[in-house]
Amino acid sequence: MAFSFVSADDLKRKIDEVQRLLSVTLTIANAHTVDFYTRDVWHSFVAVSPEEVLTALSSAGGRRGAAEDMSKLNESISFGFCDATKKLVDVAALLRAAKAHSLAGLEVCVQREAVMDTLRMMSADAQDGVSDGAVFPDEFMNSKKAHEVPAMSEVVASLAKCCRAKQVIDVGSGKGYLCSFLSLQYGLQVFGIDCSSVNTHGAQERNRKLKRFSRAYQRHSRVKTDQEVSLKDTSSRNEEEEERASQWHRAPTEHEGTAMEGSERDRSIEQVENHVSIDVESRMAEVQSCASAEPAINDLSITNGPRDCALDSADADSEDTFFTALSPDVMEQATPRVPPSQLSLEERERRKRDNLERKARDGRGITNNSNLFSPLTSYVTAETELRTLITELEDAVMVGLHTCGDLAPSTLRMFVAKPELQAVCSVGCCYHLLSEQFDQDGQNCETAVYGFPMSQYLREQACFCGRNARMSACLALERVSVGGGLPMESLFYRAVLHVILRDHYDSHKSEKRVGNVYSKASSFVDYVRRALRKLDLDVSKLSDSVIQSYHDLYSPRMSEMVAFNMLKVTLAPCIEGLILLDRLCYLKEQANVSCSALVQLFDPLLSPRCYAVVGIKRRGIS
């Protein structure tokens, strides 16, 4: 079956291949950029020039360098690294190995279309879901979300249909875009759980606005359809009248007055058509002008992983702009509230009766379109008892779109442990926030339930990556490959600052963090002084000329940092791959999981964290 074409044994062999590569190359991924000059990182791990690395990267490893030939004569190498010195000597070999050990190179991923085809076959006898096209995501989300939400929603809705589930639990629901889309587009009852009350309250208000817009949009669409039909009918009638008129006036001799009469009639018909056409076009323009109020795509600069899941303040502003831009006939207007004292006795009784009926329906767990999405505020882990949060819990699909750190593994563990959860679709992010069981430098997990490794297979091997390597996994190779560059100047400033702290303050090992000083600094000197104040150090100890001298000393070596970070980017898909293969292996180890797969849901250029771990329970086994 295409859904889980990789067997557990084949998966373990592929995990072993990735581990062999990382056992040699992980030293580069774990090197911290802050220590780049204080520990002379380049010369510690790389035996070729920065220019050779950048040239090989720009040619995509198509040319084999002289370093490879020389190394083969004298030393044995593994994945481009000399076995004796442990330094990189063959860049092209490393690039080829990294490509072969990425998820795409290992051929373990399933494309979204293949999963959808399989789910359609599995649910051929199930009732069709609801998708009336009432919501257009590009009209109320930025480009990144507008790409992610419909793609994931289609898979989730198909999973629900396959499992005959009517409920969806979105863990780490954030602003509730996925929840709203699933409820409005597919008629699913969605519970969005987020630890931030700000998020859940905002999601509830946003969903309320979207429902108003959805209903108004449907009405507006019907109006446009009726007008178009009216236009066609008018044109048809006019053509018939013209035909009858031409037949009536067709005589052996045509009079001039008859021609004048036909001309007047043509002008009259043209005026009617123009009037109707202008009315329709003006309404279409109103809707299109609303649709154009779309925020720009997220910044493509590559920083750290949290950018994928961090709340984008531009979303709220663009969203308000969108709703306020809606023309009055598209936006549903709230009915003015009439004080109860001014209502008639009959009206008061009717409203009371309606309220009682609505409460009775809600109490029986019967939902309608007005309460399909329920935002909940709670911090959830694998041990969370879902029924304490959702009293009306039934068979459900658990989902998570860009769940940070340990929340993604917790989502998979909840899916395995909770009998009500019939399927899961989890897209994780922020790998640097994962807790690692066997990382000696990492912090101990309070619950003793770690985010990595999950599978028994890797736990038995005491597998670990390291925080810097997991942070490297958050880099986006596809974006960098098309010019979405790394923030090299800010990284360079921070590394040179570390040298100054070592030489003059003996505080380069301080636990204090510099933070985002670079964005406020006008120059390197200004950056250093702001950082010193942030660290509570004596700013007057160094003159501007001394500070600038450090910048001038290390500027010629900036190419080393650029090349080294590009090597990190090259290894990023391999590290991410190991983390995701571990999660897939965990599902394949579970007796109650019948189908599991790693699915590429999104375009990595638009959404770098594009892979979902998907699983379905065995029927009758929980």
Foldseek 3Di string as FASTA:
>chain_A
DLQQPQALVNLVVLLVLLVVLCVLVLVLLFDDLLCCPVVVVLVLAADDDLVVLVVCVLVQLPDWDPLVVVCVVPADDDQQAGPPSSHRRTNSSVLVSLVCSFCVNSVFADALVVLLVVLCVLLVVFDDFAADPLDQVLLQAAPLCSFFQVLVLSNQLSQCRSVVHQEEEEEQCFQPPNVLCNCVGGVGQYEYEHQDPVNLVNNVVLSVQRVQLSVLQVVLVVVLVVLVVVLVVLVVVLVVVLVVLCVVQDDPDHDPVSVVVSVVSVVVSVVVNVVSVVVSVVSVVLVVVLSVLHDHADQLAWDWWCVQVDDDPVSVVSNVVSSVSRDPSSGDDDDDDDPPVPDDPVVVVVVVVVVVVVVVCVVVVNDDSVNSYHYDHDDDFLPDDCCVVPVPQAQYAYEYDAAEAQVQVRSLSNCQPDPSYFKYKYQYINQLNWFADLDPPGDQDPVNQTSPQQAPVVVVVSDDSHNSSSRLLSGFLVSVSVPSYYPLVVSVLSNLLLVVCVPPPVCSVPPQDQPPQPVVAPDSLSSSLSSCVSVVHDSVPDDSVVSVVSVVVCVVVSSSVRSSSVSSNSNNSSSVNSSVSSSQSRLSVRPFWDGWGWYQSGDCSSPVSRIIIMTGTDPPGD
